[in-house]
Amino acid sequence: MIRSILFYTITLLFISYSGTAQNPDMMLNAHPYDTERYAEFRGAAYLWDEPVLVTLISVNQDPMMNVLGNYNMAEGDFEVYKDKTFVVINKLEFPKIIFTDPDGQVTTLISIAHPKLNFGYCIQHHQEENFMILELWKKMKSTRKVETPGKTEHLNNLKNSRKYFILKNGKLISIKLGRKKITKEFGHKKEIKEFIKSNDLEVKKVKDAVVLLQYINEQGWIK
């Protein structure tokens, strides 16, 4: 459950790169935002604790800047907010979303047309020509029955489901984090072990796994 939703008092400026006026259709058919939407669930449904200002990149590569929104990992929807309403954007019309935090850290969400990646957006951890490292992060709804004397309770949870992929030359490769798992997939155990040691990597951490996978790709070991 999102900890709190603070609706900013500023007006959203849906401004394109060319400086044209805001899109008047963006908030058509908006729905009232219910802050108690996931109150019955344990766990966070959203990627960020509060809505953030992002840039939406259209299928034509036109940016819409300063859009207030949040990624709903339980539904696979990116929600755009204005006042106390929201709309779900079409991931085919806006296949990329970029957020830059105050420290300059960039998070990029992208939608990929692939059967294994048909749920919402992926987090793009790395991109270069014909090579990407992606994370598909879902919040799976589950119910657990708890028996107590004279009473049965049903506890609702939002469970993490995180899967990692390499997309190279249109080929999608599922990977698991960890040195043994990555060497099992790509081989070259000796070289990988030496690279991990010399770079002091903890491969179960996403940022370290990305460094290792970049190295493996540079060596030509990902076909």
Protein backbone atom coordinates (compact mmCIF):
# COMPACT_ATOMS: atom_id res chain seq x y z
CA MET A 1 0.00 0.00 0.00
CA ILE A 2 1.34 3.37 -0.89
CA ARG A 3 2.31 5.11 2.33
CA SER A 4 0.72 8.36 1.51
CA ILE A 5 -0.51 10.25 -1.55
CA LEU A 6 0.27 13.92 -1.51
CA PHE A 7 -1.35 15.64 -4.42
CA TYR A 8 0.85 18.52 -5.46
CA THR A 9 -0.78 21.91 -5.63
CA ILE A 10 0.96 22.84 -8.83
CA THR A 11 -0.84 22.45 -12.14
CA LEU A 12 0.51 19.69 -14.34
CA LEU A 13 2.21 21.05 -17.44
CA PHE A 14 1.80 18.53 -20.23
CA ILE A 15 4.32 20.29 -22.48
CA SER A 16 5.91 18.58 -25.46
CA TYR A 17 9.50 19.03 -26.51
CA SER A 18 8.53 21.49 -29.23
CA GLY A 19 6.77 23.70 -26.68
CA THR A 20 3.25 23.11 -27.96
CA ALA A 21 0.25 23.46 -25.66
CA GLN A 22 -0.76 20.76 -23.20
CA ASN A 23 -2.76 17.77 -24.39
CA PRO A 24 -6.41 18.52 -23.49
CA ASP A 25 -7.37 14.86 -23.74
CA MET A 26 -4.91 13.57 -21.14
CA MET A 27 -7.34 13.67 -18.21
CA LEU A 28 -10.52 12.74 -20.06
CA ASN A 29 -12.44 9.94 -18.34
CA ALA A 30 -10.36 10.36 -15.19
CA HIS A 31 -11.32 8.39 -12.09
CA PRO A 32 -11.45 9.63 -8.50
CA TYR A 33 -8.34 8.54 -6.62
CA ASP A 34 -9.09 6.37 -3.58
CA THR A 35 -6.32 6.59 -0.99
CA GLU A 36 -7.71 3.43 0.65
CA ARG A 37 -7.57 1.42 -2.57
CA TYR A 38 -5.10 -1.10 -1.17
CA ALA A 39 -5.84 -0.65 2.52
CA GLU A 40 -6.80 -4.30 2.91
CA PHE A 41 -3.44 -5.48 1.59
CA ARG A 42 -0.11 -5.72 3.36
CA GLY A 43 2.74 -4.44 1.23
CA ALA A 44 3.29 -1.56 -1.17
CA ALA A 45 1.53 -1.53 -4.55
CA TYR A 46 3.46 1.39 -6.02
CA LEU A 47 7.04 1.79 -7.20
CA TRP A 48 7.48 5.14 -5.43
CA ASP A 49 6.15 6.01 -1.97
CA GLU A 50 4.52 9.13 -3.38
CA PRO A 51 3.70 10.36 -6.89
CA VAL A 52 6.67 11.84 -8.72
CA LEU A 53 7.20 14.14 -11.66
CA VAL A 54 8.20 12.14 -14.74
CA THR A 55 8.72 12.58 -18.46
CA LEU A 56 6.51 10.48 -20.71
CA ILE A 57 8.08 9.56 -24.05
CA SER A 58 5.55 8.92 -26.80
CA VAL A 59 5.84 6.28 -29.50
CA ASN A 60 6.98 9.13 -31.78
CA GLN A 61 9.76 10.04 -29.30
CA ASP A 62 8.00 13.26 -28.24
CA PRO A 63 8.45 13.97 -24.50
CA MET A 64 5.75 15.21 -22.12
CA MET A 65 7.55 16.74 -19.19
CA ASN A 66 6.57 17.35 -15.57
CA VAL A 67 3.78 14.77 -15.47
CA LEU A 68 2.76 13.68 -11.98
CA GLY A 69 2.36 9.93 -11.72
CA ASN A 70 3.28 6.60 -10.16
CA TYR A 71 3.72 3.04 -11.39
CA ASN A 72 1.17 0.59 -9.97
CA MET A 73 3.03 -2.72 -9.78
CA ALA A 74 -0.08 -4.62 -8.67
CA GLU A 75 -1.95 -3.75 -11.87
CA GLY A 76 0.89 -3.07 -14.31
CA ASP A 77 -0.46 0.45 -14.91
CA PHE A 78 1.22 3.82 -14.93
CA GLU A 79 -1.20 6.26 -13.32
CA VAL A 80 -1.18 9.98 -14.08
CA TYR A 81 -2.68 12.28 -11.43
CA LYS A 82 -4.26 15.68 -11.50
CA ASP A 83 -6.08 17.17 -8.53
CA LYS A 84 -7.69 14.07 -6.93
CA THR A 85 -8.24 12.07 -10.09
CA PHE A 86 -6.12 9.71 -12.16
CA VAL A 87 -5.96 8.10 -15.57
CA VAL A 88 -4.08 5.03 -16.74
CA ILE A 89 -1.89 5.81 -19.71
CA ASN A 90 -1.67 3.53 -22.74
CA LYS A 91 1.73 1.83 -22.69
CA LEU A 92 1.67 1.52 -26.48
CA GLU A 93 1.27 5.29 -26.84
CA PHE A 94 3.87 6.03 -24.14
CA PRO A 95 6.37 3.15 -24.19
CA LYS A 96 8.98 4.94 -22.07
CA ILE A 97 8.78 6.83 -18.76
CA ILE A 98 11.76 8.59 -17.17
CA PHE A 99 12.14 9.75 -13.58
CA THR A 100 15.18 11.61 -12.24
CA ASP A 101 15.44 11.89 -8.46
CA PRO A 102 16.98 14.90 -6.64
CA ASP A 103 20.36 13.14 -6.57
CA GLY A 104 20.35 12.72 -10.35
CA GLN A 105 19.58 8.99 -10.26
CA VAL A 106 17.52 8.04 -13.32
CA THR A 107 14.85 5.34 -13.38
CA THR A 108 13.56 4.34 -16.81
CA LEU A 109 10.41 2.30 -17.35
CA ILE A 110 9.79 0.77 -20.77
CA SER A 111 7.16 -1.45 -22.33
CA ILE A 112 8.43 -4.31 -24.50
CA ALA A 113 6.36 -6.16 -27.08
CA HIS A 114 7.18 -9.71 -25.98
CA PRO A 115 4.90 -12.48 -24.60
CA LYS A 116 7.01 -12.85 -21.44
CA LEU A 117 6.94 -9.10 -20.81
CA ASN A 118 3.27 -8.37 -21.42
CA PHE A 119 2.63 -7.10 -17.87
CA GLY A 120 2.95 -3.34 -17.63
CA TYR A 121 6.42 -1.80 -17.75
CA CYS A 122 9.92 -3.10 -17.08
CA ILE A 123 12.66 -1.24 -15.26
CA GLN A 124 15.49 -0.70 -17.73
CA HIS A 125 18.76 -1.09 -15.83
CA HIS A 126 21.05 -0.77 -18.83
CA GLN A 127 20.83 0.00 -22.53
CA GLU A 128 23.22 0.03 -25.43
CA GLU A 129 22.87 -0.87 -29.08
CA ASN A 130 20.91 -4.15 -29.37
CA PHE A 131 21.46 -4.95 -25.66
CA MET A 132 19.31 -4.23 -22.62
CA ILE A 133 19.09 -5.45 -19.03
CA LEU A 134 15.52 -5.45 -17.75
CA GLU A 135 13.63 -6.12 -14.53
CA LEU A 136 9.98 -7.13 -14.49
CA TRP A 137 8.71 -6.19 -11.02
CA LYS A 138 5.21 -7.23 -10.06
CA LYS A 139 3.22 -7.15 -6.84
CA MET A 140 1.21 -10.36 -6.75
CA LYS A 141 -2.06 -10.37 -4.83
CA SER A 142 -2.45 -13.31 -2.48
CA THR A 143 -4.75 -14.32 0.36
CA ARG A 144 -3.73 -16.41 3.36
CA LYS A 145 -6.24 -18.04 5.68
CA VAL A 146 -5.46 -17.80 9.39
CA GLU A 147 -7.37 -19.94 11.88
CA THR A 148 -7.81 -18.71 15.44
CA PRO A 149 -10.11 -20.15 18.10
CA GLY A 150 -13.65 -19.56 16.88
CA LYS A 151 -12.54 -17.33 14.04
CA THR A 152 -11.17 -17.55 10.50
CA GLU A 153 -9.34 -14.57 9.07
CA HIS A 154 -8.19 -13.91 5.53
CA LEU A 155 -5.01 -11.85 5.25
CA ASN A 156 -4.37 -10.14 1.92
CA ASN A 157 -0.81 -9.52 0.81
CA LEU A 158 1.07 -7.95 -2.07
CA LYS A 159 4.05 -10.21 -2.70
CA ASN A 160 7.17 -9.30 -4.63
CA SER A 161 7.80 -11.01 -7.96
CA ARG A 162 11.03 -9.83 -9.55
CA LYS A 163 12.38 -11.36 -12.74
CA TYR A 164 15.41 -10.28 -14.73
CA PHE A 165 16.03 -10.49 -18.44
CA ILE A 166 18.58 -9.69 -21.11
CA LEU A 167 17.23 -8.54 -24.45
CA LYS A 168 19.89 -8.87 -27.15
CA ASN A 169 19.26 -8.63 -30.87
CA GLY A 170 15.58 -9.27 -30.25
CA LYS A 171 16.27 -12.44 -28.21
CA LEU A 172 14.98 -12.47 -24.64
CA ILE A 173 17.07 -14.38 -22.09
CA SER A 174 15.77 -14.98 -18.56
CA ILE A 175 18.48 -14.72 -15.90
CA LYS A 176 18.78 -15.16 -12.15
CA LEU A 177 21.06 -13.06 -10.01
CA GLY A 178 24.03 -14.71 -8.35
CA ARG A 179 27.50 -15.78 -9.58
CA LYS A 180 26.73 -19.50 -9.82
CA LYS A 181 23.46 -18.88 -11.64
CA ILE A 182 25.01 -16.47 -14.13
CA THR A 183 28.01 -18.72 -14.84
CA LYS A 184 25.65 -21.65 -15.33
CA GLU A 185 23.89 -19.60 -18.01
CA PHE A 186 26.95 -18.17 -19.75
CA GLY A 187 29.92 -20.33 -18.70
CA HIS A 188 33.47 -18.93 -18.37
CA LYS A 189 33.47 -19.59 -14.64
CA LYS A 190 37.15 -18.75 -14.08
CA GLU A 191 37.02 -15.41 -15.87
CA ILE A 192 33.75 -14.40 -14.23
CA LYS A 193 35.02 -15.32 -10.77
CA GLU A 194 38.17 -13.22 -11.31
CA PHE A 195 36.14 -10.25 -12.58
CA ILE A 196 33.82 -10.41 -9.56
CA LYS A 197 36.75 -10.55 -7.14
CA SER A 198 38.74 -7.76 -8.79
CA ASN A 199 35.68 -5.48 -8.86
CA ASP A 200 34.39 -6.46 -5.39
CA LEU A 201 30.91 -7.28 -6.71
CA GLU A 202 27.95 -8.72 -4.82
CA VAL A 203 26.15 -10.27 -7.76
CA LYS A 204 22.82 -10.66 -5.97
CA LYS A 205 22.61 -6.86 -5.92
CA VAL A 206 21.07 -5.49 -9.10
CA LYS A 207 23.67 -2.76 -9.68
CA ASP A 208 26.53 -5.25 -9.33
CA ALA A 209 24.80 -7.81 -11.55
CA VAL A 210 24.44 -5.12 -14.22
CA VAL A 211 28.22 -4.44 -14.12
CA LEU A 212 28.90 -8.17 -14.48
CA LEU A 213 26.44 -8.66 -17.32
CA GLN A 214 27.93 -5.70 -19.21
CA TYR A 215 31.34 -7.37 -18.90
CA ILE A 216 29.95 -10.73 -20.10
CA ASN A 217 28.36 -9.03 -23.08
CA GLU A 218 31.58 -7.18 -23.94
CA GLN A 219 33.39 -10.52 -24.02
CA GLY A 220 30.90 -11.83 -26.57
CA TRP A 221 29.63 -14.58 -24.27
CA ILE A 222 25.97 -13.65 -24.70
CA LYS A 223 24.79 -15.04 -28.02
